[in-house]
Protein backbone atom coordinates (compact mmCIF):
# COMPACT_ATOMS: atom_id res chain seq x y z
CA MET A 1 31.06 4.27 3.90
CA LEU A 2 27.59 6.34 3.20
CA LEU A 3 26.83 7.48 -0.58
CA TYR A 4 25.03 10.48 0.48
CA SER A 5 24.89 12.31 3.47
CA LEU A 6 21.73 11.59 5.81
CA MET A 7 21.59 14.72 7.28
CA SER A 8 18.45 16.62 6.86
CA THR A 9 16.55 14.19 4.30
CA LEU A 10 13.60 12.30 4.49
CA PHE A 11 13.53 8.60 3.31
CA VAL A 12 10.02 6.93 1.88
CA VAL A 13 10.78 3.64 2.59
CA ALA A 14 8.83 0.76 1.56
CA THR A 15 8.25 -2.09 3.70
CA PRO A 16 6.87 -5.67 3.34
CA ILE A 17 3.09 -6.01 2.25
CA GLY A 18 3.07 -9.67 4.38
CA ASN A 19 6.12 -11.65 4.43
CA LEU A 20 8.77 -9.66 6.46
CA GLU A 21 11.21 -11.33 4.23
CA ASP A 22 10.44 -8.82 1.30
CA ILE A 23 12.44 -5.49 2.09
CA THR A 24 15.48 -4.54 0.55
CA PHE A 25 18.76 -4.45 1.69
CA ARG A 26 18.94 -1.06 1.10
CA ALA A 27 15.86 -0.15 3.30
CA VAL A 28 16.99 -2.13 6.70
CA ARG A 29 20.58 -0.23 6.03
CA ILE A 30 18.65 3.01 6.08
CA LEU A 31 16.07 2.33 9.34
CA LYS A 32 19.18 1.56 11.33
CA GLU A 33 21.21 4.68 10.22
CA VAL A 34 18.46 7.02 10.26
CA ASP A 35 18.14 9.05 13.59
CA ILE A 36 14.23 8.63 13.53
CA ILE A 37 11.62 6.28 11.90
CA ALA A 38 8.21 8.32 11.18
CA SER A 39 5.72 5.15 11.04
CA GLU A 40 1.63 4.81 10.15
CA ASP A 41 1.39 2.53 12.94
CA THR A 42 4.59 2.19 15.30
CA ARG A 43 3.23 -1.32 16.93
CA GLN A 44 3.30 -2.31 13.47
CA THR A 45 6.64 -1.22 12.82
CA ARG A 46 8.26 -2.54 15.91
CA ILE A 47 7.38 -6.00 14.54
CA LEU A 48 9.64 -5.50 11.43
CA LEU A 49 12.37 -3.81 13.30
CA THR A 50 12.59 -6.51 15.82
CA LYS A 51 12.98 -8.76 12.82
CA TYR A 52 15.82 -7.08 11.63
CA ASN A 53 17.60 -6.41 15.30
CA ILE A 54 17.06 -2.45 14.50
CA LYS A 55 17.26 -1.00 17.79
CA PHE A 56 17.07 2.13 19.84
CA LYS A 57 15.07 3.90 17.20
CA GLN A 58 12.82 6.98 18.16
CA LEU A 59 9.65 6.29 16.57
CA ILE A 60 7.02 8.57 16.12
CA SER A 61 3.56 8.78 14.48
CA CYS A 62 2.58 9.84 11.08
CA ARG A 63 -0.81 8.50 10.39
CA ALA A 64 -3.94 9.50 8.15
CA ARG A 65 -5.60 11.27 11.54
CA ASN A 66 -2.54 13.20 12.53
CA GLU A 67 -0.21 13.14 9.27
CA VAL A 68 -0.47 17.32 9.01
CA ALA A 69 0.68 17.83 12.42
CA SER A 70 3.38 15.46 12.19
CA ALA A 71 4.45 16.50 8.88
CA LYS A 72 5.11 19.86 10.36
CA ASN A 73 6.80 18.19 13.47
CA ILE A 74 9.09 16.14 10.93
CA VAL A 75 9.96 19.43 9.14
CA LYS A 76 11.14 20.96 12.28
CA LEU A 77 12.83 18.28 13.01
CA LEU A 78 14.90 18.07 9.32
CA GLY A 79 15.32 21.64 10.06
CA GLN A 80 17.81 20.73 12.71
CA GLY A 81 19.65 18.47 11.03
CA PHE A 82 17.44 14.89 11.46
CA SER A 83 17.50 12.32 9.05
CA VAL A 84 14.11 10.49 9.30
CA ALA A 85 12.51 7.52 7.51
CA TYR A 86 9.11 7.36 6.55
CA VAL A 87 7.43 3.99 6.62
CA SER A 88 3.54 2.97 5.98
CA ASP A 89 2.08 -0.08 7.85
CA ALA A 90 2.90 -2.36 4.62
CA GLY A 91 3.87 -1.67 0.96
CA THR A 92 4.85 1.34 -0.42
CA PRO A 93 3.94 4.61 1.21
CA ALA A 94 1.35 7.17 -0.46
CA VAL A 95 0.11 4.56 -2.57
CA SER A 96 -3.47 4.24 -0.87
CA ASP A 97 -1.54 4.92 2.52
CA PRO A 98 -0.40 8.10 4.26
CA GLY A 99 2.73 10.00 2.98
CA THR A 100 1.64 12.40 0.52
CA ARG A 101 0.91 15.28 2.69
CA LEU A 102 3.85 14.48 4.19
CA VAL A 103 6.08 14.71 1.05
CA SER A 104 4.49 17.88 -0.27
CA MET A 105 5.43 19.27 3.01
CA VAL A 106 9.18 18.60 3.47
CA ARG A 107 9.91 19.06 -0.78
CA LYS A 108 7.81 22.71 0.04
CA GLU A 109 10.33 23.19 3.01
CA GLY A 110 13.38 22.27 0.35
CA PHE A 111 14.67 19.30 2.23
CA LYS A 112 15.77 16.50 0.41
CA ILE A 113 13.61 13.27 -0.11
CA VAL A 114 14.92 9.81 -1.23
CA PRO A 115 12.52 6.85 -2.19
CA LEU A 116 13.54 3.46 -1.32
CA PRO A 117 11.52 1.52 -3.70
CA GLY A 118 10.18 -2.02 -2.80
CA ALA A 119 6.42 -4.43 -1.88
CA SER A 120 3.04 -2.88 -3.21
CA ALA A 121 0.28 -5.09 -3.41
CA VAL A 122 -0.54 -3.37 -6.87
CA THR A 123 2.42 -4.57 -8.79
CA THR A 124 2.71 -7.91 -6.46
CA LEU A 125 -0.84 -9.04 -8.19
CA ILE A 126 0.01 -7.38 -11.90
CA SER A 127 3.05 -10.07 -11.71
CA VAL A 128 0.74 -13.05 -11.46
CA ALA A 129 -2.18 -12.32 -12.93
CA GLY A 130 -1.08 -12.66 -16.88
CA MET A 131 -3.45 -9.64 -17.68
CA GLY A 132 -1.28 -6.83 -18.12
CA GLY A 133 -0.84 -5.55 -21.37
CA LYS A 134 0.76 -2.20 -21.77
CA GLY A 135 -0.69 -0.30 -18.67
CA PHE A 136 -3.32 -0.25 -16.62
CA LEU A 137 -5.65 1.85 -13.95
CA PHE A 138 -5.00 1.71 -10.27
CA GLU A 139 -7.80 2.99 -8.20
CA GLY A 140 -6.90 1.83 -4.48
CA PHE A 141 -9.71 2.13 -2.51
CA LEU A 142 -13.19 2.92 -3.65
CA SER A 143 -15.35 4.99 -1.31
CA PRO A 144 -17.35 2.77 1.02
CA LYS A 145 -20.54 4.83 -0.29
CA ALA A 146 -22.50 2.54 -2.15
CA MET A 147 -24.19 4.95 -4.55
CA LYS A 148 -20.44 6.09 -5.01
CA ARG A 149 -18.95 2.83 -5.16
CA ARG A 150 -21.11 2.12 -8.20
CA ARG A 151 -21.01 4.90 -9.96
CA ARG A 152 -17.14 5.21 -10.04
CA LEU A 153 -16.82 1.38 -10.89
CA GLN A 154 -19.09 2.29 -14.15
CA LYS A 155 -16.37 5.03 -14.93
CA LEU A 156 -13.34 2.72 -14.72
CA LEU A 157 -15.30 0.11 -16.76
CA GLU A 158 -16.31 2.55 -19.50
CA SER A 159 -12.28 3.56 -19.45
CA GLY A 160 -11.86 0.43 -21.70
CA MET A 161 -8.64 -0.28 -19.16
CA ILE A 162 -7.98 -3.03 -17.15
CA PHE A 163 -7.89 -1.64 -13.68
CA VAL A 164 -6.79 -2.63 -10.16
CA ILE A 165 -8.73 -2.00 -6.60
CA TYR A 166 -7.87 -2.62 -3.18
CA GLU A 167 -10.63 -3.83 -1.16
CA SER A 168 -11.54 -5.29 2.83
CA PRO A 169 -13.09 -8.25 3.52
CA TYR A 170 -16.25 -6.55 4.47
CA ARG A 171 -16.98 -5.23 1.17
CA ILE A 172 -15.46 -7.62 -1.10
CA ILE A 173 -18.44 -9.64 -1.85
CA GLU A 174 -20.86 -6.20 -2.73
CA LEU A 175 -17.85 -5.27 -4.88
CA CYS A 176 -18.32 -8.92 -6.93
CA GLU A 177 -21.92 -8.61 -7.11
CA ASN A 178 -21.70 -5.07 -8.28
CA LEU A 179 -18.94 -6.35 -11.25
CA ASP A 180 -21.61 -9.14 -12.06
CA LYS A 181 -24.33 -6.53 -12.73
CA LEU A 182 -22.28 -4.41 -14.88
CA CYS A 183 -19.72 -6.39 -16.24
CA PRO A 184 -20.67 -10.12 -15.94
CA ASN A 185 -18.37 -10.66 -19.08
CA ARG A 186 -15.27 -9.66 -18.02
CA ASN A 187 -12.48 -12.10 -15.71
CA ILE A 188 -11.33 -10.55 -12.62
CA PHE A 189 -8.16 -11.82 -10.74
CA VAL A 190 -8.48 -11.60 -7.02
CA GLY A 191 -5.35 -11.93 -4.50
CA ARG A 192 -5.91 -12.31 -0.99
CA GLU A 193 -3.55 -12.06 2.01
CA LEU A 194 -0.80 -11.38 -1.04
CA THR A 195 2.49 -12.76 0.84
CA LYS A 196 1.47 -14.33 3.62
CA LYS A 197 0.67 -17.82 4.89
CA PHE A 198 -2.62 -17.95 3.56
CA GLU A 199 -2.64 -16.32 0.30
CA GLU A 200 -4.49 -16.99 -2.52
CA TYR A 201 -5.54 -15.91 -5.73
CA ILE A 202 -9.14 -16.50 -7.76
CA PHE A 203 -9.53 -16.21 -11.24
CA GLY A 204 -12.56 -16.16 -13.19
CA LYS A 205 -15.85 -14.23 -13.85
CA ALA A 206 -17.26 -11.75 -10.83
CA TYR A 207 -20.10 -14.65 -10.46
CA GLU A 208 -17.55 -17.67 -10.00
CA VAL A 209 -15.41 -15.75 -7.87
CA LEU A 210 -18.11 -14.98 -5.85
CA SER A 211 -19.05 -18.57 -5.56
CA MET A 212 -15.55 -19.55 -4.54
CA LEU A 213 -16.14 -16.70 -1.67
CA SER A 214 -19.08 -17.74 -0.60
CA VAL A 215 -17.67 -21.36 0.67
CA MET A 216 -15.21 -19.75 2.76
CA ASP A 217 -16.31 -19.76 6.55
CA ARG A 218 -15.28 -16.89 6.94
CA ILE A 219 -13.88 -13.85 4.70
CA ARG A 220 -10.70 -12.86 6.11
CA GLY A 221 -7.50 -10.47 5.21
CA GLU A 222 -7.12 -7.71 2.67
CA PHE A 223 -8.01 -8.03 -0.94
CA THR A 224 -6.57 -6.87 -4.34
CA VAL A 225 -8.76 -6.92 -7.10
CA LEU A 226 -7.69 -6.85 -11.07
CA VAL A 227 -10.98 -6.15 -13.34
CA GLY A 228 -9.76 -7.22 -17.10
CA ILE A 229 -11.06 -6.08 -20.22
């Protein structure tokens, strides 16, 4: 028996950040029960649905480039009584992923929104860093523009708080070089490919992390970086 009606409800569903087993029982159940699944990348979502034998679902795209238009369509579907689950590529939607505008528009129209918590790279890294303390700042991805990145890093360092950044394999070296110049005495903790086959953690000063990265034949994967105080 359902605990509540699914009609005209948007479910914001956290999905695994790598290992497909890192999903809640509730998330699987809701993905099976809703009428429609809105997805940042339908190809990626189909892999997850296949893993859990979730069949015959209508999948619609809702990514950064079409989020506003897709959100309008989802509002119409909710108005027709359909239930919709929204998933991003990995982790919790709207945390450095699309979803914020969708949720805002759905709430403005008065429809019910239900969050299904789960995996998130930032909390995954914090849990094994041993550097948490009482709080931290979460920045997500920095600007790809070099000057903006450096200025924002300086502001984050001046805050006096631990902070967490997401970084691509294409800019992780630049990030560590900037950290080595701006805060050479701070420890940083880097997670690569969290929960995946080649999961790896690196701890040390920025120059030490740079040294470890330099021996890699090719830098791959998504990075989550915690900068200590």
